[in-house]
C-alpha cells in the first residue's frame, strides 16, 4: 500500500494451542478499531460447522494452483504436511485496507515472513503460550487429537517459537482478558501511523 492508505495490516501468529482464535474473537467483538479478519483460501474440505466465504474460501487444488500461478496470493503454505494448502488472497486484503479497515491475518511464521517482505510496516504480533509445557497441556486438554498429531504440533511449535523474534511484538496469553487488553492497547498505539509497501 502507498503511504496514506487509511487501513493497516496486522499479522498475528502463534503455535497451535496458543489461543489465537479465542483472543481474535475478543478483538473483533470488543476492540474499538475497524478490525476485519482476512478469510484464507484452503484446499481442505469444510468441517460441518464451517461456511464458505466466512470461515474460509474452500477451493479445489486445481483452482488453488491456478491462483498461485496468477500471483493472486500474498502467501501460501501447506499445513502440517497433510496435503492441504492455505493462502491469503491479495485483492480482498488490499481492498479492505483501502476502505480503512485494519485487516488481521492469522497466519503461520513462514507466511508472516513472506508478507512482511512486501509490507514492512505491518503490525506483527506473536501470541506466546508462556512455556512449552503450558502449550503441551493445552493441546492435550483438547482431547481431540491422536498422540501422533500432538507430537507433530509440538515439533512445529518449537520451530515457530524459535522464529518469534521476527515479530515486532510478543504477547503472552496467560489469560484471554490480559492478552486481549494488551493487543487492543498495542494496536491503538498505531493510530495515526501510515502504511507503506515496498
Protein backbone atom coordinates (compact mmCIF):
# COMPACT_ATOMS: atom_id res chain seq x y z
CA UNK A 1 0.00 0.00 0.00
CA UNK A 2 1.09 3.56 -0.61
CA UNK A 3 1.64 5.95 2.26
CA UNK A 4 -1.60 7.49 3.44
CA UNK A 5 -3.79 4.43 2.94
CA UNK A 6 -6.21 4.58 5.89
CA UNK A 7 -6.15 0.88 6.76
CA UNK A 8 -3.45 -1.22 8.33
CA UNK A 9 -2.19 -4.77 8.10
CA UNK A 10 -2.00 -6.75 11.34
CA UNK A 11 -0.32 -10.16 11.44
CA UNK A 12 -0.96 -12.42 14.41
CA UNK A 13 0.82 -15.76 14.71
CA UNK A 14 1.46 -18.33 17.36
CA UNK A 15 1.69 -22.08 17.75
CA UNK A 16 -1.35 -24.32 17.70
CA UNK A 17 -2.73 -24.21 21.23
CA UNK A 18 -1.64 -20.64 21.96
CA UNK A 19 -5.26 -19.47 21.96
CA UNK A 20 -5.25 -17.33 18.82
CA UNK A 21 -8.85 -18.00 17.79
CA UNK A 22 -10.25 -17.11 21.22
CA UNK A 23 -8.21 -13.90 21.54
CA UNK A 24 -9.03 -12.83 17.98
CA UNK A 25 -12.75 -13.34 18.60
CA UNK A 26 -12.48 -10.96 21.57
CA UNK A 27 -10.54 -8.42 19.50
CA UNK A 28 -13.05 -8.37 16.66
CA UNK A 29 -16.00 -8.07 19.05
CA UNK A 30 -14.62 -5.65 21.64
CA UNK A 31 -11.58 -3.66 20.44
CA UNK A 32 -12.62 -0.16 19.36
CA UNK A 33 -10.86 -0.23 15.98
CA UNK A 34 -12.14 -1.04 12.45
CA UNK A 35 -10.74 -4.59 12.60
CA UNK A 36 -11.57 -7.18 9.98
CA UNK A 37 -10.36 -10.77 9.74
CA UNK A 38 -8.85 -11.86 6.45
CA UNK A 39 -10.53 -15.01 5.11
CA UNK A 40 -7.97 -17.52 3.86
CA UNK A 41 -8.41 -19.85 0.92
CA UNK A 42 -7.87 -23.55 1.55
CA UNK A 43 -7.95 -26.83 -0.33
CA UNK A 44 -9.13 -28.83 2.66
CA UNK A 45 -12.81 -29.81 2.83
CA UNK A 46 -15.08 -27.76 5.09
CA UNK A 47 -15.92 -29.07 8.54
CA UNK A 48 -19.62 -29.45 9.45
CA UNK A 49 -19.80 -26.08 11.27
CA UNK A 50 -17.89 -24.05 8.64
CA UNK A 51 -19.33 -21.72 5.99
CA UNK A 52 -17.70 -20.97 2.67
CA UNK A 53 -16.66 -17.32 2.43
CA UNK A 54 -16.90 -16.77 6.18
CA UNK A 55 -14.59 -19.33 7.77
CA UNK A 56 -12.55 -19.99 4.63
CA UNK A 57 -12.79 -19.79 0.86
CA UNK A 58 -12.93 -23.50 0.07
CA UNK A 59 -11.38 -24.20 -3.33
CA UNK A 60 -10.18 -27.21 -5.28
CA UNK A 61 -6.47 -27.96 -5.58
CA UNK A 62 -6.70 -27.08 -9.28
CA UNK A 63 -8.27 -23.68 -8.55
CA UNK A 64 -5.72 -23.02 -5.81
CA UNK A 65 -2.84 -23.86 -8.15
CA UNK A 66 -4.27 -21.57 -10.83
CA UNK A 67 -4.46 -18.68 -8.36
CA UNK A 68 -0.85 -19.34 -7.33
CA UNK A 69 0.25 -19.23 -10.98
CA UNK A 70 -1.64 -15.95 -11.48
CA UNK A 71 0.13 -14.38 -8.48
CA UNK A 72 -3.13 -13.79 -6.60
CA UNK A 73 -1.79 -14.85 -3.17
CA UNK A 74 0.24 -12.85 -0.68
CA UNK A 75 1.44 -16.15 0.81
CA UNK A 76 0.67 -19.86 0.70
CA UNK A 77 1.60 -22.77 2.94
CA UNK A 78 0.97 -26.49 3.28
CA UNK A 79 -0.08 -27.01 6.89
CA UNK A 80 1.37 -29.92 8.90
CA UNK A 81 2.36 -31.67 5.64
CA UNK A 82 -1.15 -33.11 5.29
CA UNK A 83 -1.60 -32.20 1.63
CA UNK A 84 -3.95 -29.28 2.36
CA UNK A 85 -2.90 -25.82 1.27
CA UNK A 86 -3.84 -22.44 2.72
CA UNK A 87 -3.28 -18.99 1.27
CA UNK A 88 -4.03 -15.29 1.75
CA UNK A 89 -5.62 -13.70 -1.32
CA UNK A 90 -4.11 -10.31 -2.14
CA UNK A 91 -7.13 -8.44 -3.57
CA UNK A 92 -9.53 -8.68 -0.57
CA UNK A 93 -6.75 -7.56 1.80
CA UNK A 94 -5.80 -4.54 -0.32
CA UNK A 95 -9.43 -3.53 -0.91
CA UNK A 96 -10.26 -3.72 2.80
CA UNK A 97 -7.22 -1.60 3.71
CA UNK A 98 -8.14 0.98 1.07
CA UNK A 99 -11.60 1.12 2.69
CA UNK A 100 -9.98 1.95 6.04
CA UNK A 101 -10.10 -1.49 7.63
CA UNK A 102 -7.36 -2.89 9.84
CA UNK A 103 -7.03 -6.33 8.28
CA UNK A 104 -5.92 -9.13 10.61
CA UNK A 105 -4.08 -12.09 9.13
CA UNK A 106 -3.91 -15.15 11.35
CA UNK A 107 -1.06 -16.99 9.65
CA UNK A 108 1.98 -19.06 10.50
CA UNK A 109 5.52 -17.73 10.85
CA UNK A 110 6.55 -18.76 7.31
CA UNK A 111 3.64 -16.90 5.75
CA UNK A 112 4.25 -13.92 8.01
CA UNK A 113 7.87 -13.62 6.90
CA UNK A 114 6.75 -13.56 3.25
CA UNK A 115 4.17 -10.82 3.81
CA UNK A 116 6.49 -8.65 5.90
CA UNK A 117 8.85 -8.53 2.92
CA UNK A 118 6.09 -6.78 0.94
CA UNK A 119 4.52 -4.88 3.85
CA UNK A 120 7.41 -3.89 6.15
CA UNK A 121 5.12 -1.63 8.21
CA UNK A 122 2.72 -4.46 9.05
CA UNK A 123 1.99 -4.71 12.77
CA UNK A 124 3.31 -8.14 13.69
CA UNK A 125 2.32 -9.87 16.92
CA UNK A 126 3.38 -13.30 18.15
CA UNK A 127 0.99 -14.85 20.67
CA UNK A 128 3.04 -16.94 23.09
CA UNK A 129 1.62 -19.66 25.37
CA UNK A 130 4.17 -18.77 28.08
CA UNK A 131 6.05 -22.06 28.17
CA UNK A 132 6.31 -25.18 26.06
CA UNK A 133 4.89 -27.18 28.98
CA UNK A 134 1.80 -24.94 29.05
CA UNK A 135 1.37 -25.35 25.32
CA UNK A 136 1.50 -29.14 25.64
CA UNK A 137 -1.02 -29.00 28.49
CA UNK A 138 -3.45 -27.03 26.32
CA UNK A 139 -3.04 -29.32 23.33
CA UNK A 140 -3.63 -32.43 25.42
CA UNK A 141 -6.53 -30.75 27.19
CA UNK A 142 -8.44 -30.52 23.92
CA UNK A 143 -8.69 -34.33 23.79
CA UNK A 144 -9.39 -34.08 20.06
CA UNK A 145 -6.18 -35.39 18.51
CA UNK A 146 -4.07 -38.51 18.49
CA UNK A 147 -0.72 -38.70 20.26
CA UNK A 148 1.00 -38.62 16.86
CA UNK A 149 -0.75 -35.36 15.90
CA UNK A 150 0.02 -33.79 19.26
CA UNK A 151 3.71 -34.61 18.93
CA UNK A 152 3.73 -33.23 15.38
CA UNK A 153 2.10 -29.99 16.55
CA UNK A 154 4.64 -29.67 19.37
CA UNK A 155 7.51 -30.17 16.93
CA UNK A 156 6.13 -27.43 14.65
CA UNK A 157 5.52 -25.21 17.69
CA UNK A 158 9.17 -25.44 18.77
CA UNK A 159 10.27 -24.15 15.37
CA UNK A 160 7.67 -21.37 15.48
CA UNK A 161 8.76 -20.28 18.97
CA UNK A 162 12.33 -20.02 17.70
CA UNK A 163 11.12 -17.63 14.96
CA UNK A 164 9.15 -15.39 17.32
CA UNK A 165 12.00 -12.86 17.21
CA UNK A 166 10.98 -11.72 13.70
CA UNK A 167 7.82 -10.18 15.19
CA UNK A 168 7.68 -6.61 16.45
CA UNK A 169 5.62 -7.60 19.49
CA UNK A 170 5.40 -10.71 21.67
CA UNK A 171 2.31 -11.15 23.83
CA UNK A 172 1.98 -13.94 26.39
CA UNK A 173 -1.53 -15.39 26.52
CA UNK A 174 -1.68 -16.17 30.23
CA UNK A 175 -5.37 -15.25 30.26
CA UNK A 176 -7.63 -14.27 27.36
CA UNK A 177 -8.55 -10.98 29.08
CA UNK A 178 -4.92 -9.97 29.58
CA UNK A 179 -3.94 -10.91 26.03
CA UNK A 180 -6.95 -9.05 24.61
CA UNK A 181 -6.22 -5.88 26.59
CA UNK A 182 -2.53 -5.96 25.69
CA UNK A 183 -3.13 -6.41 21.96
CA UNK A 184 -6.03 -3.94 21.74
CA UNK A 185 -3.99 -1.23 23.51
CA UNK A 186 -0.95 -2.05 21.40
CA UNK A 187 -2.95 -1.67 18.18
CA UNK A 188 -4.44 1.62 19.35
CA UNK A 189 -0.90 2.96 19.80
CA UNK A 190 -0.52 2.68 16.00
CA UNK A 191 -3.40 5.05 15.22
CA UNK A 192 -2.06 7.88 13.09
CA UNK A 193 0.77 5.81 11.59
CA UNK A 194 0.73 5.45 7.81
CA UNK A 195 1.11 2.16 5.98
CA UNK A 196 3.71 1.76 3.25
CA UNK A 197 4.53 -1.05 0.86
CA UNK A 198 7.86 -1.89 -0.71
